[in-house]
Amino acid sequence: MTIESPYRRGADDGMKFGLYLTAMFAGALFSSPAGPGAWLAMLLMFAAPVVLCVMMAGYFRRQAYRVGFGDLWLDGTLTVIFGTLIASAFLIVYMKWVNPDFVINQLNSIIDLNKEHPDMGLDAYAKVAENLIADHTVPSATVMAANMLVMISMGGIMLSAVLSLGLLLLARLRGKRAA
């Protein structure tokens, strides 16, 4: 049996993970804050580490538990990065052509919420939002998507390391790997 490339596996699983992340973002963007779509998006967000773990475990199992930490970590990292690239493309399309006022509307929502409920402690956020609008420095859709790409990728890299260690430990405890 030849070892399948983690690059290939990460790209293939990244496509699936990207569609998963896109569904999560779509649920949040196209629903009311307390509607069923928002609850679905929240559920998908909390389940994302489990989905990534299942994908990494599938790669590990298909390789007959013969790959090490590096290959597992690389598989998970690439899955997250490729998946996030797909979700970022969705967000750019949404914020650029479907709802071009999305970012400014979110900033105005923070300002309005702070005015309606000054006891929530949003003063600093509202001040930043007001300054962004006043200075005409509202981030573009591309900048927002790039920030999301970096943030999710960094979290995914760390999560992949932890999941890799967990999968290796679990395989060793079950007798699937030699010491």
N, C-alpha and C. Protein backbone atom coordinates (compact mmCIF):
# COMPACT_ATOMS: atom_id res chain seq x y z
N MET A 1 0.83 -1.17 0.00
CA MET A 1 0.00 0.00 0.00
C MET A 1 0.88 1.25 0.00
N THR A 2 0.61 2.18 -0.92
CA THR A 2 1.36 3.42 -0.95
C THR A 2 0.65 4.47 -0.12
N ILE A 3 1.43 5.34 0.46
CA ILE A 3 0.86 6.40 1.28
C ILE A 3 0.32 7.50 0.37
N GLU A 4 -0.94 7.85 0.59
CA GLU A 4 -1.57 8.90 -0.19
C GLU A 4 -1.04 10.26 0.27
N SER A 5 -0.83 11.14 -0.64
CA SER A 5 -0.28 12.45 -0.34
C SER A 5 -1.23 13.26 0.54
N PRO A 6 -0.72 13.83 1.63
CA PRO A 6 -1.58 14.69 2.45
C PRO A 6 -1.97 15.96 1.70
N TYR A 7 -1.18 16.36 0.71
CA TYR A 7 -1.53 17.53 -0.09
C TYR A 7 -2.79 17.25 -0.90
N ARG A 8 -2.83 16.09 -1.53
CA ARG A 8 -4.01 15.70 -2.31
C ARG A 8 -5.23 15.54 -1.41
N ARG A 9 -5.03 14.86 -0.30
CA ARG A 9 -6.12 14.63 0.64
C ARG A 9 -6.63 15.95 1.22
N GLY A 10 -5.69 16.85 1.56
CA GLY A 10 -6.09 18.15 2.10
C GLY A 10 -6.89 18.97 1.10
N ALA A 11 -6.50 18.88 -0.17
CA ALA A 11 -7.24 19.60 -1.21
C ALA A 11 -8.63 19.01 -1.39
N ASP A 12 -8.72 17.68 -1.44
CA ASP A 12 -10.02 17.04 -1.61
C ASP A 12 -10.93 17.30 -0.41
N ASP A 13 -10.40 17.10 0.79
CA ASP A 13 -11.20 17.36 1.99
C ASP A 13 -11.46 18.85 2.16
N GLY A 14 -10.52 19.68 1.68
CA GLY A 14 -10.70 21.12 1.74
C GLY A 14 -11.92 21.58 0.96
N MET A 15 -12.18 20.92 -0.16
CA MET A 15 -13.37 21.26 -0.95
C MET A 15 -14.64 20.99 -0.12
N LYS A 16 -14.68 19.85 0.52
CA LYS A 16 -15.84 19.52 1.36
C LYS A 16 -15.95 20.47 2.54
N PHE A 17 -14.81 20.73 3.19
CA PHE A 17 -14.81 21.62 4.36
C PHE A 17 -15.18 23.05 3.94
N GLY A 18 -14.76 23.46 2.74
CA GLY A 18 -15.13 24.77 2.24
C GLY A 18 -16.63 24.91 2.03
N LEU A 19 -17.24 23.88 1.50
CA LEU A 19 -18.70 23.90 1.33
C LEU A 19 -19.39 23.93 2.69
N TYR A 20 -18.83 23.22 3.66
CA TYR A 20 -19.35 23.23 5.02
C TYR A 20 -19.27 24.64 5.61
N LEU A 21 -18.10 25.28 5.49
CA LEU A 21 -17.93 26.64 6.01
C LEU A 21 -18.84 27.62 5.28
N THR A 22 -19.00 27.44 3.98
CA THR A 22 -19.87 28.31 3.21
C THR A 22 -21.32 28.19 3.68
N ALA A 23 -21.76 26.96 3.96
CA ALA A 23 -23.11 26.77 4.50
C ALA A 23 -23.25 27.45 5.86
N MET A 24 -22.20 27.36 6.66
CA MET A 24 -22.23 28.01 7.98
C MET A 24 -22.36 29.53 7.82
N PHE A 25 -21.56 30.13 6.94
CA PHE A 25 -21.64 31.57 6.74
C PHE A 25 -22.96 31.98 6.11
N ALA A 26 -23.45 31.20 5.16
CA ALA A 26 -24.73 31.51 4.52
C ALA A 26 -25.87 31.48 5.54
N GLY A 27 -25.83 30.50 6.44
CA GLY A 27 -26.86 30.44 7.48
C GLY A 27 -26.85 31.67 8.35
N ALA A 28 -25.66 32.18 8.65
CA ALA A 28 -25.56 33.39 9.48
C ALA A 28 -25.94 34.64 8.70
N LEU A 29 -25.59 34.71 7.43
CA LEU A 29 -25.82 35.93 6.65
C LEU A 29 -27.26 36.07 6.17
N PHE A 30 -27.90 34.97 5.83
CA PHE A 30 -29.22 35.03 5.21
C PHE A 30 -30.37 34.77 6.18
N SER A 31 -30.13 34.87 7.46
CA SER A 31 -31.21 34.63 8.41
C SER A 31 -31.26 35.76 9.43
N SER A 32 -32.38 35.83 10.10
CA SER A 32 -32.51 36.82 11.18
C SER A 32 -31.65 36.36 12.36
N PRO A 33 -31.26 37.29 13.23
CA PRO A 33 -30.35 36.94 14.33
C PRO A 33 -30.82 35.79 15.23
N ALA A 34 -32.10 35.65 15.42
CA ALA A 34 -32.60 34.57 16.28
C ALA A 34 -33.37 33.52 15.50
N GLY A 35 -33.26 33.55 14.17
CA GLY A 35 -34.00 32.61 13.33
C GLY A 35 -33.32 31.25 13.26
N PRO A 36 -34.00 30.31 12.61
CA PRO A 36 -33.46 28.96 12.51
C PRO A 36 -32.13 28.89 11.76
N GLY A 37 -31.93 29.76 10.78
CA GLY A 37 -30.66 29.77 10.05
C GLY A 37 -29.50 30.16 10.94
N ALA A 38 -29.75 31.11 11.84
CA ALA A 38 -28.70 31.53 12.78
C ALA A 38 -28.37 30.40 13.75
N TRP A 39 -29.39 29.67 14.19
CA TRP A 39 -29.14 28.54 15.09
C TRP A 39 -28.39 27.43 14.37
N LEU A 40 -28.74 27.21 13.10
CA LEU A 40 -28.03 26.21 12.30
C LEU A 40 -26.56 26.63 12.13
N ALA A 41 -26.35 27.91 11.85
CA ALA A 41 -24.97 28.41 11.69
C ALA A 41 -24.18 28.22 12.98
N MET A 42 -24.82 28.47 14.12
CA MET A 42 -24.16 28.29 15.41
C MET A 42 -23.80 26.81 15.63
N LEU A 43 -24.73 25.93 15.30
CA LEU A 43 -24.49 24.49 15.43
C LEU A 43 -23.33 24.06 14.53
N LEU A 44 -23.34 24.53 13.28
CA LEU A 44 -22.26 24.20 12.35
C LEU A 44 -20.93 24.73 12.85
N MET A 45 -20.93 25.91 13.47
CA MET A 45 -19.69 26.48 13.97
C MET A 45 -19.11 25.61 15.09
N PHE A 46 -19.95 25.19 16.02
CA PHE A 46 -19.47 24.37 17.12
C PHE A 46 -19.09 22.96 16.67
N ALA A 47 -19.69 22.49 15.58
CA ALA A 47 -19.39 21.15 15.09
C ALA A 47 -18.18 21.12 14.14
N ALA A 48 -17.67 22.27 13.72
CA ALA A 48 -16.56 22.31 12.76
C ALA A 48 -15.34 21.52 13.23
N PRO A 49 -14.93 21.62 14.51
CA PRO A 49 -13.78 20.80 14.92
C PRO A 49 -14.05 19.30 14.81
N VAL A 50 -15.28 18.89 15.06
CA VAL A 50 -15.64 17.47 14.95
C VAL A 50 -15.57 17.04 13.49
N VAL A 51 -16.07 17.87 12.60
CA VAL A 51 -16.03 17.56 11.16
C VAL A 51 -14.58 17.44 10.70
N LEU A 52 -13.73 18.37 11.13
CA LEU A 52 -12.32 18.29 10.77
C LEU A 52 -11.69 17.02 11.32
N CYS A 53 -11.99 16.67 12.54
CA CYS A 53 -11.45 15.46 13.16
C CYS A 53 -11.88 14.21 12.38
N VAL A 54 -13.13 14.17 11.98
CA VAL A 54 -13.63 13.02 11.21
C VAL A 54 -12.89 12.91 9.88
N MET A 55 -12.65 14.04 9.23
CA MET A 55 -11.92 14.01 7.95
C MET A 55 -10.47 13.54 8.16
N MET A 56 -9.83 14.04 9.20
CA MET A 56 -8.45 13.63 9.48
C MET A 56 -8.40 12.16 9.87
N ALA A 57 -9.37 11.70 10.66
CA ALA A 57 -9.41 10.29 11.05
C ALA A 57 -9.62 9.39 9.84
N GLY A 58 -10.41 9.85 8.88
CA GLY A 58 -10.62 9.08 7.66
C GLY A 58 -9.33 8.91 6.88
N TYR A 59 -8.56 9.99 6.78
CA TYR A 59 -7.25 9.91 6.11
C TYR A 59 -6.34 8.94 6.87
N PHE A 60 -6.31 9.04 8.18
CA PHE A 60 -5.46 8.19 9.02
C PHE A 60 -5.84 6.72 8.85
N ARG A 61 -7.14 6.44 8.85
CA ARG A 61 -7.63 5.07 8.71
C ARG A 61 -7.31 4.50 7.32
N ARG A 62 -7.53 5.32 6.27
CA ARG A 62 -7.23 4.87 4.90
C ARG A 62 -5.74 4.57 4.71
N GLN A 63 -4.90 5.19 5.51
CA GLN A 63 -3.46 4.94 5.42
C GLN A 63 -3.02 3.84 6.39
N ALA A 64 -3.98 3.10 6.89
CA ALA A 64 -3.73 1.96 7.78
C ALA A 64 -2.92 2.39 9.02
N TYR A 65 -3.18 3.61 9.48
CA TYR A 65 -2.55 4.14 10.70
C TYR A 65 -1.02 4.20 10.59
N ARG A 66 -0.49 4.28 9.37
CA ARG A 66 0.96 4.27 9.18
C ARG A 66 1.56 5.66 9.00
N VAL A 67 0.76 6.69 8.95
CA VAL A 67 1.32 8.04 8.82
C VAL A 67 1.59 8.61 10.21
N GLY A 68 2.49 9.54 10.27
CA GLY A 68 2.87 10.13 11.55
C GLY A 68 2.21 11.48 11.79
N PHE A 69 2.69 12.12 12.83
CA PHE A 69 2.15 13.41 13.25
C PHE A 69 2.21 14.44 12.12
N GLY A 70 3.35 14.54 11.44
CA GLY A 70 3.52 15.54 10.40
C GLY A 70 2.51 15.42 9.27
N ASP A 71 2.30 14.20 8.80
CA ASP A 71 1.32 13.99 7.72
C ASP A 71 -0.10 14.30 8.18
N LEU A 72 -0.43 13.88 9.39
CA LEU A 72 -1.77 14.16 9.91
C LEU A 72 -1.98 15.67 10.08
N TRP A 73 -0.99 16.32 10.66
CA TRP A 73 -1.10 17.76 10.88
C TRP A 73 -1.19 18.49 9.55
N LEU A 74 -0.39 18.10 8.58
CA LEU A 74 -0.43 18.72 7.26
C LEU A 74 -1.78 18.50 6.60
N ASP A 75 -2.33 17.31 6.72
CA ASP A 75 -3.65 17.02 6.16
C ASP A 75 -4.70 17.96 6.75
N GLY A 76 -4.72 18.07 8.06
CA GLY A 76 -5.70 18.95 8.72
C GLY A 76 -5.49 20.41 8.38
N THR A 77 -4.23 20.83 8.36
CA THR A 77 -3.91 22.22 8.03
C THR A 77 -4.35 22.57 6.62
N LEU A 78 -4.03 21.72 5.67
CA LEU A 78 -4.41 21.99 4.28
C LEU A 78 -5.92 21.93 4.08
N THR A 79 -6.58 21.02 4.80
CA THR A 79 -8.04 20.96 4.72
C THR A 79 -8.64 22.29 5.16
N VAL A 80 -8.15 22.83 6.26
CA VAL A 80 -8.67 24.10 6.77
C VAL A 80 -8.34 25.24 5.81
N ILE A 81 -7.10 25.29 5.34
CA ILE A 81 -6.71 26.41 4.47
C ILE A 81 -7.48 26.39 3.15
N PHE A 82 -7.57 25.22 2.50
CA PHE A 82 -8.31 25.15 1.25
C PHE A 82 -9.80 25.42 1.47
N GLY A 83 -10.34 24.89 2.57
CA GLY A 83 -11.74 25.15 2.89
C GLY A 83 -12.01 26.62 3.14
N THR A 84 -11.11 27.27 3.83
CA THR A 84 -11.28 28.69 4.12
C THR A 84 -11.15 29.54 2.86
N LEU A 85 -10.31 29.11 1.93
CA LEU A 85 -10.22 29.83 0.65
C LEU A 85 -11.56 29.82 -0.08
N ILE A 86 -12.23 28.68 -0.06
CA ILE A 86 -13.54 28.57 -0.72
C ILE A 86 -14.56 29.45 -0.01
N ALA A 87 -14.59 29.39 1.32
CA ALA A 87 -15.53 30.20 2.07
C ALA A 87 -15.23 31.69 1.91
N SER A 88 -13.95 32.05 1.81
CA SER A 88 -13.57 33.45 1.59
C SER A 88 -14.07 33.96 0.25
N ALA A 89 -13.98 33.11 -0.76
CA ALA A 89 -14.49 33.50 -2.09
C ALA A 89 -15.99 33.77 -2.01
N PHE A 90 -16.72 32.93 -1.27
CA PHE A 90 -18.16 33.15 -1.08
C PHE A 90 -18.40 34.49 -0.40
N LEU A 91 -17.64 34.79 0.66
CA LEU A 91 -17.82 36.04 1.38
C LEU A 91 -17.50 37.26 0.52
N ILE A 92 -16.47 37.15 -0.31
CA ILE A 92 -16.14 38.28 -1.19
C ILE A 92 -17.29 38.53 -2.17
N VAL A 93 -17.81 37.47 -2.76
CA VAL A 93 -18.94 37.63 -3.69
C VAL A 93 -20.13 38.24 -2.95
N TYR A 94 -20.43 37.75 -1.76
CA TYR A 94 -21.57 38.26 -1.00
C TYR A 94 -21.38 39.74 -0.65
N MET A 95 -20.22 40.08 -0.10
CA MET A 95 -20.02 41.45 0.37
C MET A 95 -19.73 42.44 -0.76
N LYS A 96 -19.34 41.96 -1.91
CA LYS A 96 -19.02 42.86 -3.01
C LYS A 96 -20.21 43.07 -3.95
N TRP A 97 -20.98 41.99 -4.23
CA TRP A 97 -22.02 42.11 -5.23
C TRP A 97 -23.43 41.85 -4.69
N VAL A 98 -23.60 40.97 -3.73
CA VAL A 98 -24.94 40.68 -3.22
C VAL A 98 -25.37 41.74 -2.21
N ASN A 99 -24.50 42.06 -1.27
CA ASN A 99 -24.82 43.04 -0.23
C ASN A 99 -23.61 43.94 -0.01
N PRO A 100 -23.39 44.88 -0.93
CA PRO A 100 -22.19 45.72 -0.84
C PRO A 100 -22.14 46.61 0.41
N ASP A 101 -23.27 46.85 1.05
CA ASP A 101 -23.30 47.68 2.25
C ASP A 101 -23.21 46.86 3.53
N PHE A 102 -22.84 45.60 3.42
CA PHE A 102 -22.83 44.71 4.58
C PHE A 102 -21.95 45.25 5.71
N VAL A 103 -20.72 45.61 5.41
CA VAL A 103 -19.79 46.04 6.46
C VAL A 103 -20.28 47.34 7.10
N ILE A 104 -20.67 48.31 6.30
CA ILE A 104 -21.14 49.59 6.85
C ILE A 104 -22.41 49.39 7.67
N ASN A 105 -23.29 48.48 7.24
CA ASN A 105 -24.50 48.20 8.02
C ASN A 105 -24.16 47.57 9.37
N GLN A 106 -23.15 46.70 9.39
CA GLN A 106 -22.73 46.09 10.66
C GLN A 106 -22.15 47.15 11.59
N LEU A 107 -21.36 48.06 11.05
CA LEU A 107 -20.81 49.14 11.87
C LEU A 107 -21.91 50.04 12.42
N ASN A 108 -22.89 50.36 11.57
CA ASN A 108 -24.02 51.17 12.04
C ASN A 108 -24.84 50.43 13.08
N SER A 109 -24.94 49.12 12.97
CA SER A 109 -25.67 48.32 13.97
C SER A 109 -24.99 48.40 15.33
N ILE A 110 -23.66 48.38 15.34
CA ILE A 110 -22.93 48.51 16.61
C ILE A 110 -23.19 49.88 17.23
N ILE A 111 -23.16 50.92 16.40
CA ILE A 111 -23.39 52.27 16.90
C ILE A 111 -24.81 52.39 17.45
N ASP A 112 -25.80 51.89 16.70
CA ASP A 112 -27.20 51.97 17.14
C ASP A 112 -27.43 51.16 18.41
N LEU A 113 -26.86 49.97 18.48
CA LEU A 113 -27.02 49.12 19.66
C LEU A 113 -26.43 49.81 20.89
N ASN A 114 -25.31 50.47 20.73
CA ASN A 114 -24.69 51.18 21.85
C ASN A 114 -25.56 52.34 22.31
N LYS A 115 -26.22 53.03 21.35
CA LYS A 115 -27.11 54.14 21.71
C LYS A 115 -28.36 53.64 22.44
N GLU A 116 -28.89 52.50 21.99
CA GLU A 116 -30.10 51.95 22.60
C GLU A 116 -29.83 51.33 23.97
N HIS A 117 -28.68 50.72 24.11
CA HIS A 117 -28.32 50.01 25.36
C HIS A 117 -26.92 50.42 25.79
N PRO A 118 -26.78 51.61 26.37
CA PRO A 118 -25.43 52.08 26.75
C PRO A 118 -24.79 51.25 27.87
N ASP A 119 -25.59 50.48 28.57
CA ASP A 119 -25.06 49.67 29.67
C ASP A 119 -24.41 48.36 29.20
N MET A 120 -24.40 48.08 27.90
CA MET A 120 -23.82 46.83 27.39
C MET A 120 -22.30 46.88 27.27
N GLY A 121 -21.71 48.05 27.45
CA GLY A 121 -20.26 48.15 27.38
C GLY A 121 -19.69 48.13 25.97
N LEU A 122 -20.44 48.66 25.01
CA LEU A 122 -19.99 48.68 23.62
C LEU A 122 -19.40 50.03 23.23
N ASP A 123 -19.09 50.87 24.20
CA ASP A 123 -18.62 52.23 23.91
C ASP A 123 -17.38 52.23 23.01
N ALA A 124 -16.39 51.43 23.36
CA ALA A 124 -15.14 51.40 22.59
C ALA A 124 -15.40 50.90 21.16
N TYR A 125 -16.24 49.87 21.02
CA TYR A 125 -16.54 49.33 19.69
C TYR A 125 -17.30 50.36 18.86
N ALA A 126 -18.26 51.04 19.49
CA ALA A 126 -19.04 52.05 18.79
C ALA A 126 -18.15 53.21 18.35
N LYS A 127 -17.20 53.60 19.20
CA LYS A 127 -16.28 54.68 18.86
C LYS A 127 -15.42 54.30 17.65
N VAL A 128 -14.91 53.07 17.65
CA VAL A 128 -14.12 52.60 16.50
C VAL A 128 -14.98 52.59 15.24
N ALA A 129 -16.21 52.10 15.34
CA ALA A 129 -17.12 52.08 14.19
C ALA A 129 -17.39 53.49 13.68
N GLU A 130 -17.64 54.43 14.59
CA GLU A 130 -17.87 55.82 14.19
C GLU A 130 -16.64 56.40 13.49
N ASN A 131 -15.46 56.10 14.02
CA ASN A 131 -14.23 56.61 13.41
C ASN A 131 -14.00 56.02 12.03
N LEU A 132 -14.26 54.73 11.87
CA LEU A 132 -14.10 54.10 10.55
C LEU A 132 -15.01 54.75 9.51
N ILE A 133 -16.25 55.01 9.91
CA ILE A 133 -17.21 55.63 8.99
C ILE A 133 -16.81 57.08 8.72
N ALA A 134 -16.47 57.83 9.76
CA ALA A 134 -16.12 59.25 9.60
C ALA A 134 -14.85 59.43 8.77
N ASP A 135 -13.88 58.56 8.96
CA ASP A 135 -12.61 58.67 8.24
C ASP A 135 -12.63 58.00 6.86
N HIS A 136 -13.75 57.41 6.49
CA HIS A 136 -13.89 56.69 5.22
C HIS A 136 -12.84 55.59 5.10
N THR A 137 -12.64 54.85 6.18
CA THR A 137 -11.67 53.76 6.19
C THR A 137 -12.34 52.42 6.48
N VAL A 138 -13.58 52.30 6.06
CA VAL A 138 -14.31 51.04 6.24
C VAL A 138 -13.61 49.97 5.40
N PRO A 139 -13.27 48.81 6.03
CA PRO A 139 -12.56 47.77 5.29
C PRO A 139 -13.37 47.25 4.11
N SER A 140 -12.68 46.92 3.04
CA SER A 140 -13.34 46.37 1.85
C SER A 140 -13.70 44.91 2.07
N ALA A 141 -14.48 44.37 1.17
CA ALA A 141 -14.87 42.96 1.24
C ALA A 141 -13.64 42.06 1.17
N THR A 142 -12.68 42.44 0.35
CA THR A 142 -11.48 41.63 0.21
C THR A 142 -10.66 41.63 1.50
N VAL A 143 -10.54 42.78 2.12
CA VAL A 143 -9.81 42.87 3.39
C VAL A 143 -10.50 42.06 4.47
N MET A 144 -11.82 42.15 4.53
CA MET A 144 -12.57 41.38 5.54
C MET A 144 -12.39 39.87 5.30
N ALA A 145 -12.47 39.44 4.05
CA ALA A 145 -12.31 38.02 3.74
C ALA A 145 -10.88 37.57 4.02
N ALA A 146 -9.90 38.42 3.73
CA ALA A 146 -8.50 38.06 4.00
C ALA A 146 -8.26 37.93 5.51
N ASN A 147 -8.84 38.83 6.28
CA ASN A 147 -8.72 38.73 7.74
C ASN A 147 -9.35 37.44 8.26
N MET A 148 -10.50 37.10 7.71
CA MET A 148 -11.16 35.86 8.12
C MET A 148 -10.31 34.65 7.72
N LEU A 149 -9.72 34.71 6.55
CA LEU A 149 -8.87 33.62 6.07
C LEU A 149 -7.71 33.39 7.02
N VAL A 150 -7.04 34.45 7.41
CA VAL A 150 -5.90 34.33 8.31
C VAL A 150 -6.34 33.84 9.69
N MET A 151 -7.42 34.42 10.22
CA MET A 151 -7.88 34.05 11.55
C MET A 151 -8.30 32.57 11.62
N ILE A 152 -9.10 32.13 10.68
CA ILE A 152 -9.56 30.74 10.69
C ILE A 152 -8.40 29.79 10.39
N SER A 153 -7.52 30.18 9.48
CA SER A 153 -6.38 29.31 9.17
C SER A 153 -5.48 29.12 10.39
N MET A 154 -5.19 30.19 11.12
CA MET A 154 -4.34 30.06 12.31
C MET A 154 -5.00 29.17 13.36
N GLY A 155 -6.28 29.37 13.57
CA GLY A 155 -7.00 28.51 14.51
C GLY A 155 -7.03 27.06 14.03
N GLY A 156 -7.21 26.87 12.72
CA GLY A 156 -7.23 25.53 12.16
C GLY A 156 -5.90 24.82 12.24
N ILE A 157 -4.81 25.57 12.09
CA ILE A 157 -3.48 24.98 12.21
C ILE A 157 -3.26 24.47 13.63
N MET A 158 -3.64 25.28 14.60
CA MET A 158 -3.48 24.84 16.00
C MET A 158 -4.40 23.67 16.32
N LEU A 159 -5.65 23.74 15.85
CA LEU A 159 -6.59 22.65 16.07
C LEU A 159 -6.11 21.37 15.41
N SER A 160 -5.56 21.47 14.21
CA SER A 160 -5.05 20.29 13.52
C SER A 160 -3.92 19.61 14.30
N ALA A 161 -3.07 20.41 14.92
CA ALA A 161 -1.99 19.84 15.73
C ALA A 161 -2.55 19.06 16.91
N VAL A 162 -3.51 19.64 17.59
CA VAL A 162 -4.12 18.97 18.74
C VAL A 162 -4.85 17.69 18.30
N LEU A 163 -5.60 17.78 17.21
CA LEU A 163 -6.32 16.61 16.71
C LEU A 163 -5.36 15.52 16.25
N SER A 164 -4.26 15.91 15.63
CA SER A 164 -3.26 14.92 15.20
C SER A 164 -2.70 14.16 16.39
N LEU A 165 -2.34 14.90 17.42
CA LEU A 165 -1.84 14.23 18.64
C LEU A 165 -2.90 13.31 19.23
N GLY A 166 -4.14 13.79 19.26
CA GLY A 166 -5.22 12.97 19.80
C GLY A 166 -5.46 11.70 18.99
N LEU A 167 -5.44 11.82 17.67
CA LEU A 167 -5.64 10.64 16.82
C LEU A 167 -4.50 9.64 16.98
N LEU A 168 -3.27 10.14 17.05
CA LEU A 168 -2.14 9.23 17.25
C LEU A 168 -2.22 8.53 18.60
N LEU A 169 -2.57 9.27 19.64
CA LEU A 169 -2.70 8.68 20.98
C LEU A 169 -3.83 7.66 21.00
N LEU A 170 -4.96 7.98 20.41
CA LEU A 170 -6.08 7.05 20.37
C LEU A 170 -5.71 5.77 19.61
N ALA A 171 -5.01 5.91 18.50
CA ALA A 171 -4.60 4.74 17.73
C ALA A 171 -3.65 3.88 18.54
N ARG A 172 -2.76 4.51 19.26
CA ARG A 172 -1.81 3.73 20.09
C ARG A 172 -2.54 3.04 21.22
N LEU A 173 -3.51 3.70 21.85
CA LEU A 173 -4.26 3.07 22.94
C LEU A 173 -5.10 1.89 22.44
N ARG A 174 -5.57 1.99 21.22
CA ARG A 174 -6.37 0.90 20.63
C ARG A 174 -5.50 -0.19 20.01
N GLY A 175 -4.20 -0.04 20.07
CA GLY A 175 -3.30 -1.06 19.53
C GLY A 175 -3.15 -1.02 18.03
N LYS A 176 -3.52 0.07 17.39
CA LYS A 176 -3.44 0.16 15.93
C LYS A 176 -2.05 0.62 15.48
N ARG A 177 -1.26 1.18 16.40
CA ARG A 177 0.08 1.66 16.07
C ARG A 177 1.07 1.09 17.05
N ALA A 178 2.24 0.77 16.54
CA ALA A 178 3.32 0.29 17.43
C ALA A 178 3.93 1.48 18.16
N ALA A 179 4.50 1.23 19.30
CA ALA A 179 5.10 2.32 20.09
C ALA A 179 6.34 2.88 19.46
